Amino acid sequence: MTIEEIQNEIIEEFSFFENWEERYEYLIELGKSLKSLPDEKKSDDKIIKGCQSTVWLDAKMEGDKIVFQADSDAILPKGLAALLVRMYNHQNPKAILDSDTEFIEKIGLQEFLSPTRANGLLAMIKQFKFYAIAFQAKTQKNG
């Protein structure tokens, strides 16, 4: 599935909810469904800077795709991380770098998040893209 197809799925899922309370609950459920990061991967270098809560992001290349794992010590950021993992997981670096995040507006997320949470979400997106840049550079160097 392409990132755009996944975003469209997410937009469709969020359109079923009547209000932000239901969307908030859904984000919490997504966070609960995100597999916890093993403790040995919860190192300081995996912490996303700019998040109010602690959010860890780990990535590795499998073939030409990046596999992401994320976790958080707070329920809402963990749900946001779950959304992003779903969107970027098993995608190649170029697809991640070329993708937009318009789905955030389309599901109304920016209106719902506090400024600090919105900054944290942006920091998460930047970190996913940073991994994509790093893996793309490494692949080009070795290729």
N, C-alpha and C. Protein backbone atom coordinates (compact mmCIF):
# COMPACT_ATOMS: atom_id res chain seq x y z
N MET A 1 0.83 -1.19 0.00
CA MET A 1 0.00 0.00 0.00
C MET A 1 0.86 1.24 0.00
N THR A 2 0.48 2.23 -0.75
CA THR A 2 1.24 3.48 -0.76
C THR A 2 0.88 4.33 0.46
N ILE A 3 1.73 5.29 0.74
CA ILE A 3 1.46 6.20 1.86
C ILE A 3 0.14 6.93 1.63
N GLU A 4 -0.09 7.37 0.40
CA GLU A 4 -1.33 8.08 0.09
C GLU A 4 -2.56 7.19 0.32
N GLU A 5 -2.47 5.93 -0.04
CA GLU A 5 -3.59 5.00 0.19
C GLU A 5 -3.84 4.82 1.69
N ILE A 6 -2.77 4.73 2.46
CA ILE A 6 -2.90 4.58 3.91
C ILE A 6 -3.52 5.85 4.51
N GLN A 7 -3.07 7.02 4.03
CA GLN A 7 -3.65 8.28 4.51
C GLN A 7 -5.15 8.34 4.21
N ASN A 8 -5.53 7.92 3.01
CA ASN A 8 -6.95 7.92 2.65
C ASN A 8 -7.75 6.98 3.55
N GLU A 9 -7.17 5.85 3.90
CA GLU A 9 -7.81 4.93 4.85
C GLU A 9 -8.02 5.60 6.21
N ILE A 10 -6.99 6.28 6.67
CA ILE A 10 -7.05 6.97 7.97
C ILE A 10 -8.13 8.06 7.93
N ILE A 11 -8.17 8.84 6.85
CA ILE A 11 -9.18 9.89 6.69
C ILE A 11 -10.58 9.27 6.74
N GLU A 12 -10.74 8.15 6.05
CA GLU A 12 -12.04 7.47 6.03
C GLU A 12 -12.43 6.98 7.43
N GLU A 13 -11.48 6.40 8.14
CA GLU A 13 -11.75 5.91 9.50
C GLU A 13 -12.19 7.05 10.41
N PHE A 14 -11.48 8.18 10.35
CA PHE A 14 -11.80 9.31 11.22
C PHE A 14 -13.12 9.97 10.84
N SER A 15 -13.55 9.81 9.60
CA SER A 15 -14.82 10.42 9.17
C SER A 15 -16.03 9.76 9.82
N PHE A 16 -15.86 8.55 10.36
CA PHE A 16 -16.97 7.85 11.01
C PHE A 16 -17.32 8.44 12.37
N PHE A 17 -16.39 9.20 12.95
CA PHE A 17 -16.61 9.71 14.30
C PHE A 17 -17.37 11.02 14.27
N GLU A 18 -18.29 11.14 15.21
CA GLU A 18 -19.16 12.31 15.31
C GLU A 18 -18.44 13.53 15.88
N ASN A 19 -17.54 13.29 16.84
CA ASN A 19 -16.91 14.42 17.53
C ASN A 19 -15.48 14.08 17.93
N TRP A 20 -14.80 15.06 18.52
CA TRP A 20 -13.40 14.85 18.87
C TRP A 20 -13.21 13.90 20.04
N GLU A 21 -14.20 13.79 20.87
CA GLU A 21 -14.08 12.83 21.97
C GLU A 21 -13.91 11.42 21.43
N GLU A 22 -14.72 11.09 20.42
CA GLU A 22 -14.63 9.77 19.80
C GLU A 22 -13.30 9.59 19.07
N ARG A 23 -12.82 10.63 18.42
CA ARG A 23 -11.53 10.55 17.71
C ARG A 23 -10.39 10.39 18.71
N TYR A 24 -10.49 11.08 19.82
CA TYR A 24 -9.50 10.99 20.89
C TYR A 24 -9.44 9.54 21.40
N GLU A 25 -10.63 8.97 21.66
CA GLU A 25 -10.69 7.58 22.11
C GLU A 25 -10.06 6.63 21.09
N TYR A 26 -10.31 6.90 19.82
CA TYR A 26 -9.75 6.07 18.75
C TYR A 26 -8.22 6.17 18.74
N LEU A 27 -7.70 7.39 18.91
CA LEU A 27 -6.24 7.56 18.98
C LEU A 27 -5.65 6.79 20.16
N ILE A 28 -6.35 6.82 21.28
CA ILE A 28 -5.88 6.07 22.45
C ILE A 28 -5.87 4.57 22.15
N GLU A 29 -6.93 4.08 21.48
CA GLU A 29 -6.98 2.67 21.10
C GLU A 29 -5.83 2.31 20.16
N LEU A 30 -5.55 3.21 19.21
CA LEU A 30 -4.42 2.97 18.29
C LEU A 30 -3.12 2.85 19.08
N GLY A 31 -2.96 3.73 20.05
CA GLY A 31 -1.77 3.68 20.90
C GLY A 31 -1.66 2.38 21.66
N LYS A 32 -2.79 1.89 22.16
CA LYS A 32 -2.78 0.62 22.90
C LYS A 32 -2.43 -0.55 21.99
N SER A 33 -2.77 -0.43 20.70
CA SER A 33 -2.49 -1.52 19.77
C SER A 33 -1.05 -1.51 19.27
N LEU A 34 -0.33 -0.39 19.53
CA LEU A 34 1.06 -0.29 19.10
C LEU A 34 1.92 -1.17 20.00
N LYS A 35 2.67 -2.05 19.39
CA LYS A 35 3.53 -2.96 20.14
C LYS A 35 4.59 -2.14 20.88
N SER A 36 4.76 -2.41 22.16
CA SER A 36 5.74 -1.68 22.96
C SER A 36 7.15 -1.91 22.45
N LEU A 37 7.95 -0.89 22.55
CA LEU A 37 9.35 -0.97 22.18
C LEU A 37 10.09 -1.69 23.30
N PRO A 38 10.95 -2.66 22.95
CA PRO A 38 11.71 -3.33 24.02
C PRO A 38 12.55 -2.31 24.79
N ASP A 39 12.74 -2.56 26.09
CA ASP A 39 13.46 -1.62 26.95
C ASP A 39 14.84 -1.27 26.42
N GLU A 40 15.54 -2.24 25.82
CA GLU A 40 16.89 -1.96 25.33
C GLU A 40 16.90 -0.96 24.15
N LYS A 41 15.73 -0.77 23.52
CA LYS A 41 15.64 0.19 22.42
C LYS A 41 15.15 1.56 22.91
N LYS A 42 14.82 1.66 24.19
CA LYS A 42 14.36 2.93 24.76
C LYS A 42 15.56 3.73 25.29
N SER A 43 16.50 3.95 24.39
CA SER A 43 17.70 4.70 24.77
C SER A 43 17.52 6.18 24.45
N ASP A 44 18.38 6.99 25.03
CA ASP A 44 18.28 8.45 24.86
C ASP A 44 18.36 8.87 23.40
N ASP A 45 19.16 8.15 22.60
CA ASP A 45 19.31 8.54 21.20
C ASP A 45 18.07 8.22 20.36
N LYS A 46 17.12 7.50 20.92
CA LYS A 46 15.87 7.17 20.23
C LYS A 46 14.73 8.11 20.62
N ILE A 47 14.97 8.98 21.59
CA ILE A 47 13.94 9.91 22.06
C ILE A 47 13.76 11.04 21.04
N ILE A 48 12.52 11.31 20.71
CA ILE A 48 12.22 12.40 19.78
C ILE A 48 12.25 13.71 20.55
N LYS A 49 13.14 14.59 20.14
CA LYS A 49 13.26 15.90 20.77
C LYS A 49 12.09 16.78 20.33
N GLY A 50 11.53 17.53 21.25
CA GLY A 50 10.43 18.43 20.91
C GLY A 50 9.07 17.91 21.33
N CYS A 51 9.04 16.71 21.87
CA CYS A 51 7.78 16.17 22.37
C CYS A 51 7.67 16.46 23.86
N GLN A 52 6.47 16.80 24.29
CA GLN A 52 6.21 17.08 25.69
C GLN A 52 6.40 15.80 26.52
N SER A 53 5.93 14.69 25.97
CA SER A 53 6.09 13.38 26.61
C SER A 53 7.33 12.72 26.03
N THR A 54 7.70 11.59 26.59
CA THR A 54 8.81 10.85 26.02
C THR A 54 8.27 9.94 24.93
N VAL A 55 8.80 10.11 23.73
CA VAL A 55 8.44 9.28 22.58
C VAL A 55 9.74 8.74 22.00
N TRP A 56 9.79 7.42 21.84
CA TRP A 56 10.96 6.78 21.25
C TRP A 56 10.62 6.33 19.84
N LEU A 57 11.58 6.45 18.95
CA LEU A 57 11.41 5.96 17.58
C LEU A 57 12.67 5.22 17.17
N ASP A 58 12.47 4.01 16.68
CA ASP A 58 13.57 3.19 16.20
C ASP A 58 13.28 2.81 14.76
N ALA A 59 14.32 2.68 13.96
CA ALA A 59 14.13 2.32 12.56
C ALA A 59 15.28 1.45 12.08
N LYS A 60 14.96 0.58 11.14
CA LYS A 60 16.00 -0.23 10.49
C LYS A 60 15.56 -0.50 9.06
N MET A 61 16.54 -0.77 8.23
CA MET A 61 16.24 -1.10 6.83
C MET A 61 16.05 -2.61 6.72
N GLU A 62 15.02 -3.00 5.99
CA GLU A 62 14.82 -4.40 5.61
C GLU A 62 14.61 -4.37 4.11
N GLY A 63 15.64 -4.79 3.38
CA GLY A 63 15.60 -4.67 1.93
C GLY A 63 15.67 -3.20 1.58
N ASP A 64 14.70 -2.72 0.79
CA ASP A 64 14.69 -1.29 0.44
C ASP A 64 13.63 -0.52 1.21
N LYS A 65 13.09 -1.14 2.25
CA LYS A 65 12.02 -0.52 3.05
C LYS A 65 12.52 -0.24 4.47
N ILE A 66 11.93 0.78 5.09
CA ILE A 66 12.26 1.10 6.48
C ILE A 66 11.19 0.50 7.39
N VAL A 67 11.64 -0.14 8.45
CA VAL A 67 10.73 -0.70 9.45
C VAL A 67 10.87 0.15 10.71
N PHE A 68 9.75 0.72 11.13
CA PHE A 68 9.73 1.60 12.29
C PHE A 68 9.09 0.91 13.49
N GLN A 69 9.59 1.28 14.66
CA GLN A 69 8.97 0.91 15.93
C GLN A 69 8.94 2.17 16.78
N ALA A 70 7.84 2.38 17.47
CA ALA A 70 7.73 3.57 18.31
C ALA A 70 7.04 3.22 19.61
N ASP A 71 7.21 4.07 20.59
CA ASP A 71 6.57 3.89 21.88
C ASP A 71 6.55 5.25 22.58
N SER A 72 5.70 5.37 23.58
CA SER A 72 5.64 6.59 24.37
C SER A 72 5.20 6.25 25.79
N ASP A 73 5.54 7.15 26.69
CA ASP A 73 5.11 6.97 28.08
C ASP A 73 3.76 7.64 28.33
N ALA A 74 3.14 8.19 27.28
CA ALA A 74 1.84 8.85 27.42
C ALA A 74 0.89 8.33 26.34
N ILE A 75 -0.40 8.25 26.67
CA ILE A 75 -1.34 7.57 25.78
C ILE A 75 -1.63 8.29 24.47
N LEU A 76 -1.79 9.60 24.51
CA LEU A 76 -2.10 10.31 23.26
C LEU A 76 -0.91 10.33 22.30
N PRO A 77 0.30 10.69 22.77
CA PRO A 77 1.44 10.63 21.85
C PRO A 77 1.68 9.23 21.28
N LYS A 78 1.38 8.21 22.09
CA LYS A 78 1.54 6.84 21.60
C LYS A 78 0.55 6.57 20.47
N GLY A 79 -0.65 7.12 20.57
CA GLY A 79 -1.64 6.99 19.49
C GLY A 79 -1.20 7.72 18.24
N LEU A 80 -0.64 8.93 18.42
CA LEU A 80 -0.13 9.69 17.27
C LEU A 80 1.03 8.95 16.62
N ALA A 81 1.90 8.39 17.44
CA ALA A 81 3.03 7.61 16.91
C ALA A 81 2.52 6.39 16.15
N ALA A 82 1.47 5.76 16.67
CA ALA A 82 0.89 4.59 16.00
C ALA A 82 0.37 4.96 14.61
N LEU A 83 -0.26 6.12 14.51
CA LEU A 83 -0.74 6.60 13.20
C LEU A 83 0.42 6.76 12.22
N LEU A 84 1.50 7.37 12.69
CA LEU A 84 2.65 7.62 11.83
C LEU A 84 3.38 6.33 11.47
N VAL A 85 3.51 5.41 12.43
CA VAL A 85 4.13 4.12 12.13
C VAL A 85 3.31 3.41 11.05
N ARG A 86 2.01 3.42 11.22
CA ARG A 86 1.13 2.79 10.22
C ARG A 86 1.36 3.39 8.84
N MET A 87 1.52 4.68 8.78
CA MET A 87 1.66 5.37 7.50
C MET A 87 3.04 5.14 6.87
N TYR A 88 4.10 5.20 7.66
CA TYR A 88 5.46 5.16 7.11
C TYR A 88 6.11 3.78 7.14
N ASN A 89 5.57 2.85 7.91
CA ASN A 89 6.21 1.54 8.07
C ASN A 89 6.22 0.78 6.75
N HIS A 90 7.33 0.13 6.48
CA HIS A 90 7.51 -0.69 5.26
C HIS A 90 7.40 0.13 3.98
N GLN A 91 7.85 1.38 4.03
CA GLN A 91 7.91 2.24 2.85
C GLN A 91 9.38 2.51 2.54
N ASN A 92 9.68 2.83 1.30
CA ASN A 92 11.07 3.15 0.99
C ASN A 92 11.34 4.62 1.35
N PRO A 93 12.61 4.97 1.56
CA PRO A 93 12.93 6.34 1.99
C PRO A 93 12.37 7.42 1.07
N LYS A 94 12.45 7.22 -0.24
CA LYS A 94 11.97 8.24 -1.18
C LYS A 94 10.48 8.49 -1.02
N ALA A 95 9.70 7.42 -0.85
CA ALA A 95 8.25 7.57 -0.66
C ALA A 95 7.95 8.37 0.60
N ILE A 96 8.70 8.13 1.66
CA ILE A 96 8.51 8.86 2.91
C ILE A 96 8.84 10.34 2.72
N LEU A 97 9.96 10.59 2.07
CA LEU A 97 10.39 11.98 1.86
C LEU A 97 9.46 12.73 0.92
N ASP A 98 8.89 12.03 -0.05
CA ASP A 98 7.99 12.67 -1.02
C ASP A 98 6.57 12.85 -0.50
N SER A 99 6.26 12.20 0.63
CA SER A 99 4.88 12.23 1.14
C SER A 99 4.57 13.56 1.82
N ASP A 100 3.28 13.89 1.82
CA ASP A 100 2.84 15.07 2.56
C ASP A 100 2.08 14.60 3.80
N THR A 101 1.67 15.54 4.60
CA THR A 101 0.92 15.19 5.82
C THR A 101 -0.42 15.92 5.83
N GLU A 102 -0.99 16.11 4.65
CA GLU A 102 -2.28 16.80 4.55
C GLU A 102 -3.40 16.06 5.29
N PHE A 103 -3.24 14.76 5.45
CA PHE A 103 -4.27 13.99 6.14
C PHE A 103 -4.52 14.52 7.55
N ILE A 104 -3.49 15.13 8.16
CA ILE A 104 -3.63 15.68 9.51
C ILE A 104 -4.72 16.76 9.52
N GLU A 105 -4.69 17.62 8.50
CA GLU A 105 -5.73 18.65 8.38
C GLU A 105 -7.07 18.03 8.04
N LYS A 106 -7.05 17.04 7.15
CA LYS A 106 -8.30 16.44 6.69
C LYS A 106 -9.05 15.72 7.80
N ILE A 107 -8.32 15.21 8.79
CA ILE A 107 -9.01 14.56 9.92
C ILE A 107 -9.23 15.56 11.07
N GLY A 108 -8.77 16.80 10.88
CA GLY A 108 -9.01 17.84 11.87
C GLY A 108 -8.11 17.79 13.08
N LEU A 109 -7.01 17.06 12.96
CA LEU A 109 -6.14 16.84 14.11
C LEU A 109 -5.52 18.14 14.63
N GLN A 110 -5.11 19.03 13.73
CA GLN A 110 -4.44 20.26 14.18
C GLN A 110 -5.37 21.15 15.00
N GLU A 111 -6.68 21.06 14.77
CA GLU A 111 -7.64 21.86 15.55
C GLU A 111 -7.81 21.30 16.96
N PHE A 112 -7.59 20.03 17.10
CA PHE A 112 -7.84 19.32 18.35
C PHE A 112 -6.64 19.35 19.29
N LEU A 113 -5.44 19.34 18.72
CA LEU A 113 -4.24 19.24 19.54
C LEU A 113 -3.86 20.59 20.16
N SER A 114 -3.38 20.53 21.37
CA SER A 114 -2.85 21.74 22.00
C SER A 114 -1.58 22.14 21.24
N PRO A 115 -1.14 23.38 21.37
CA PRO A 115 0.08 23.79 20.66
C PRO A 115 1.29 22.90 20.98
N THR A 116 1.42 22.49 22.24
CA THR A 116 2.58 21.65 22.58
C THR A 116 2.45 20.26 21.96
N ARG A 117 1.24 19.71 21.92
CA ARG A 117 1.03 18.41 21.27
C ARG A 117 1.25 18.52 19.75
N ALA A 118 0.79 19.63 19.17
CA ALA A 118 0.98 19.84 17.73
C ALA A 118 2.47 19.92 17.40
N ASN A 119 3.22 20.61 18.25
CA ASN A 119 4.68 20.68 18.07
C ASN A 119 5.30 19.30 18.19
N GLY A 120 4.80 18.51 19.13
CA GLY A 120 5.29 17.15 19.30
C GLY A 120 5.02 16.29 18.07
N LEU A 121 3.83 16.44 17.50
CA LEU A 121 3.48 15.70 16.29
C LEU A 121 4.42 16.08 15.15
N LEU A 122 4.68 17.38 14.99
CA LEU A 122 5.62 17.83 13.96
C LEU A 122 7.01 17.26 14.20
N ALA A 123 7.43 17.21 15.46
CA ALA A 123 8.74 16.64 15.80
C ALA A 123 8.78 15.16 15.43
N MET A 124 7.67 14.45 15.65
CA MET A 124 7.62 13.03 15.27
C MET A 124 7.77 12.87 13.76
N ILE A 125 7.01 13.65 13.01
CA ILE A 125 7.06 13.56 11.54
C ILE A 125 8.48 13.86 11.06
N LYS A 126 9.10 14.89 11.63
CA LYS A 126 10.48 15.24 11.25
C LYS A 126 11.43 14.08 11.51
N GLN A 127 11.22 13.39 12.64
CA GLN A 127 12.12 12.28 12.98
C GLN A 127 11.95 11.11 12.02
N PHE A 128 10.71 10.81 11.62
CA PHE A 128 10.48 9.76 10.63
C PHE A 128 11.21 10.13 9.33
N LYS A 129 11.06 11.38 8.92
CA LYS A 129 11.69 11.84 7.67
C LYS A 129 13.21 11.89 7.81
N PHE A 130 13.70 12.21 9.01
CA PHE A 130 15.14 12.22 9.24
C PHE A 130 15.72 10.82 9.03
N TYR A 131 15.05 9.80 9.57
CA TYR A 131 15.49 8.42 9.33
C TYR A 131 15.49 8.11 7.84
N ALA A 132 14.47 8.57 7.13
CA ALA A 132 14.39 8.32 5.68
C ALA A 132 15.57 8.97 4.96
N ILE A 133 15.92 10.20 5.35
CA ILE A 133 17.08 10.88 4.75
C ILE A 133 18.35 10.08 5.02
N ALA A 134 18.52 9.67 6.26
CA ALA A 134 19.73 8.93 6.65
C ALA A 134 19.84 7.61 5.89
N PHE A 135 18.74 6.86 5.81
CA PHE A 135 18.79 5.57 5.11
C PHE A 135 18.95 5.76 3.60
N GLN A 136 18.36 6.81 3.05
CA GLN A 136 18.51 7.08 1.63
C GLN A 136 19.97 7.42 1.31
N ALA A 137 20.59 8.24 2.15
CA ALA A 137 22.00 8.62 1.96
C ALA A 137 22.90 7.39 2.07
N LYS A 138 22.60 6.53 3.04
CA LYS A 138 23.40 5.32 3.25
C LYS A 138 23.27 4.38 2.05
N THR A 139 22.05 4.25 1.54
CA THR A 139 21.80 3.38 0.38
C THR A 139 22.52 3.91 -0.85
N GLN A 140 22.47 5.23 -1.07
CA GLN A 140 23.14 5.82 -2.23
C GLN A 140 24.65 5.67 -2.13
N LYS A 141 25.17 5.81 -0.92
CA LYS A 141 26.61 5.69 -0.68
C LYS A 141 27.08 4.26 -0.97
N ASN A 142 26.27 3.28 -0.52
CA ASN A 142 26.64 1.87 -0.70
C ASN A 142 26.25 1.34 -2.08
N GLY A 143 25.38 2.06 -2.78
CA GLY A 143 24.85 1.57 -4.04
C GLY A 143 25.67 1.90 -5.18
